[in-house]
Amino acid sequence: MTMNILKSLSLSVLPTTQRMSPEQHRRNKLVTKLAEQKLIAEADRDGNLPNIMHRRWVSTDSGSKALVDVPKRIKRWWFQDAVGNCLLAIRYGNKVLELEKGKGAIIVGKPDQLIPTIDKIIAAINAGELDALLSEMGLTRPIRKVQK
């Protein structure tokens, strides 16, 4: 009797999941970090504190562990120089990306131009303009040796 029910269902082959290419992984990682910087810039513009949270396991008084949302500490990637121009440094991991030889910052100008500049950078990353630079950054990581 159950065979009639199973025969009434439409069956399909389970598709294999395709892994993300290393280039796409690096793009997504950098775009995520730039989106956080954009949220901080928007909060600064509006005069608010940034509300970026992440989850952390914390021990309670009873000794059990609970998953709670805590504010995420994020360092701003921009600063103002002596003249008053806003400069933006793009970071990948803990290193500043040099977009040109010896030039690691983008001159944004006035602080109100920071958000549109971040949007332009995100568009450039999605278009693949920084793939060569990001792959170069990825190659500098030390290779872990397998211990026997």
Protein backbone atom coordinates (compact mmCIF):
# COMPACT_ATOMS: atom_id res chain seq x y z
CA MET A 1 0.00 0.00 0.00
CA THR A 2 2.83 2.44 0.73
CA MET A 3 4.28 1.83 -2.72
CA ASN A 4 1.31 3.64 -4.25
CA ILE A 5 2.07 6.73 -2.20
CA LEU A 6 5.76 6.74 -3.14
CA LYS A 7 4.93 6.25 -6.82
CA SER A 8 2.73 9.33 -6.72
CA LEU A 9 5.70 11.52 -5.76
CA SER A 10 8.01 13.10 -8.33
CA LEU A 11 11.61 12.01 -7.76
CA SER A 12 14.79 13.68 -8.92
CA VAL A 13 18.54 13.22 -8.81
CA LEU A 14 20.12 15.13 -5.93
CA PRO A 15 22.36 17.81 -7.43
CA THR A 16 25.89 18.04 -6.14
CA THR A 17 26.81 21.22 -4.35
CA GLN A 18 29.39 23.27 -6.16
CA ARG A 19 32.13 24.79 -4.11
CA MET A 20 32.88 28.46 -4.30
CA SER A 21 36.00 29.39 -6.24
CA PRO A 22 38.86 30.88 -4.21
CA GLU A 23 38.39 34.19 -6.02
CA GLN A 24 34.69 34.32 -5.12
CA HIS A 25 35.48 33.39 -1.52
CA ARG A 26 37.97 36.26 -1.23
CA ARG A 27 35.50 38.66 -2.84
CA ASN A 28 32.73 37.67 -0.43
CA LYS A 29 35.03 38.01 2.57
CA LEU A 30 36.13 41.51 1.58
CA VAL A 31 32.61 42.66 0.64
CA THR A 32 31.32 41.48 4.03
CA LYS A 33 33.97 43.51 5.85
CA LEU A 34 33.29 46.56 3.68
CA ALA A 35 29.56 46.24 4.43
CA GLU A 36 30.42 46.41 8.15
CA GLN A 37 32.50 49.53 7.50
CA LYS A 38 29.56 51.04 5.64
CA LEU A 39 27.26 50.36 8.61
CA ILE A 40 29.76 52.11 10.91
CA ALA A 41 29.99 55.08 8.52
CA GLU A 42 26.18 55.35 8.36
CA ALA A 43 25.94 55.25 12.15
CA ASP A 44 28.63 57.95 12.43
CA ARG A 45 26.81 60.09 9.87
CA ASP A 46 23.55 59.78 11.81
CA GLY A 47 25.25 60.41 15.16
CA ASN A 48 24.51 56.92 16.52
CA LEU A 49 26.65 54.10 17.80
CA PRO A 50 27.10 51.22 15.34
CA ASN A 51 24.87 48.28 16.20
CA ILE A 52 26.82 45.33 14.80
CA MET A 53 26.38 42.20 16.88
CA HIS A 54 27.81 38.72 16.86
CA ARG A 55 27.00 35.64 18.89
CA ARG A 56 29.17 34.37 21.71
CA TRP A 57 28.89 31.51 24.18
CA VAL A 58 28.89 32.81 27.77
CA SER A 59 28.87 30.89 31.04
CA THR A 60 25.88 31.74 33.21
CA ASP A 61 25.75 31.86 37.01
CA SER A 62 24.33 28.35 37.13
CA GLY A 63 27.35 27.01 35.24
CA SER A 64 25.60 26.32 31.96
CA LYS A 65 26.49 28.00 28.70
CA ALA A 66 24.21 30.32 26.80
CA LEU A 67 24.46 31.86 23.37
CA VAL A 68 24.13 35.65 23.62
CA ASP A 69 24.44 38.58 21.20
CA VAL A 70 27.29 40.94 22.06
CA PRO A 71 28.49 44.07 20.25
CA LYS A 72 31.23 43.36 17.75
CA ARG A 73 34.37 45.44 18.08
CA ILE A 74 35.34 46.70 14.66
CA LYS A 75 38.20 49.03 13.85
CA ARG A 76 37.39 51.84 11.48
CA TRP A 77 39.30 51.70 8.22
CA TRP A 78 39.21 55.46 7.70
CA PHE A 79 40.78 58.46 9.36
CA GLN A 80 41.26 62.16 8.70
CA ASP A 81 44.60 63.69 7.80
CA ALA A 82 45.93 67.06 8.97
CA VAL A 83 44.21 68.91 6.13
CA GLY A 84 40.82 67.37 6.94
CA ASN A 85 40.59 64.91 4.06
CA CYS A 86 39.11 61.53 4.87
CA LEU A 87 41.38 58.62 3.90
CA LEU A 88 40.17 55.04 3.54
CA ALA A 89 42.50 52.04 3.79
CA ILE A 90 41.14 48.71 2.56
CA ARG A 91 42.20 45.79 4.71
CA TYR A 92 42.29 42.11 3.89
CA GLY A 93 42.84 40.22 7.11
CA ASN A 94 45.31 42.28 9.08
CA LYS A 95 47.08 43.79 6.07
CA VAL A 96 46.34 46.97 4.16
CA LEU A 97 45.85 46.41 0.43
CA GLU A 98 48.15 48.50 -1.72
CA LEU A 99 45.99 49.44 -4.69
CA GLU A 100 49.07 50.89 -6.39
CA LYS A 101 52.74 50.52 -5.52
CA GLY A 102 53.28 52.36 -2.22
CA LYS A 103 49.71 53.69 -2.07
CA GLY A 104 47.57 52.02 0.57
CA ALA A 105 44.85 54.64 1.08
CA ILE A 106 42.05 56.16 -0.96
CA ILE A 107 41.51 59.90 -0.62
CA VAL A 108 37.78 60.17 -0.03
CA GLY A 109 37.66 63.92 0.55
CA LYS A 110 34.88 65.00 2.86
CA PRO A 111 33.52 62.43 5.35
CA ASP A 112 30.08 62.56 3.69
CA GLN A 113 31.64 60.97 0.59
CA LEU A 114 32.72 57.88 2.53
CA ILE A 115 29.56 55.81 1.99
CA PRO A 116 29.42 56.34 -1.82
CA THR A 117 33.14 55.51 -2.00
CA ILE A 118 32.60 52.24 -0.12
CA ASP A 119 29.75 51.42 -2.54
CA LYS A 120 32.10 52.01 -5.50
CA ILE A 121 34.73 49.75 -3.96
CA ILE A 122 32.17 47.00 -3.38
CA ALA A 123 31.08 47.29 -7.04
CA ALA A 124 34.72 47.05 -8.15
CA ILE A 125 35.26 43.94 -6.03
CA ASN A 126 32.11 42.29 -7.41
CA ALA A 127 33.30 43.11 -10.94
CA GLY A 128 36.57 41.30 -10.19
CA GLU A 129 38.88 44.32 -10.40
CA LEU A 130 40.77 43.35 -7.24
CA ASP A 131 41.05 39.60 -7.92
CA ALA A 132 44.73 39.73 -8.87
CA LEU A 133 45.60 41.76 -5.79
CA LEU A 134 43.55 39.50 -3.50
CA SER A 135 45.07 36.33 -4.92
CA GLU A 136 48.51 37.83 -4.39
CA MET A 137 47.60 38.49 -0.76
CA GLY A 138 46.39 34.91 -0.39
CA LEU A 139 49.67 33.49 -1.67
CA THR A 140 51.70 35.18 1.07
CA ARG A 141 50.23 32.97 3.79
CA PRO A 142 52.61 30.36 5.14
CA ILE A 143 51.82 26.80 4.11
CA ARG A 144 51.17 24.51 7.06
CA LYS A 145 53.31 21.41 7.16
CA VAL A 146 51.55 18.16 7.87
CA GLN A 147 52.99 16.46 10.91
CA LYS A 148 53.32 12.71 10.88
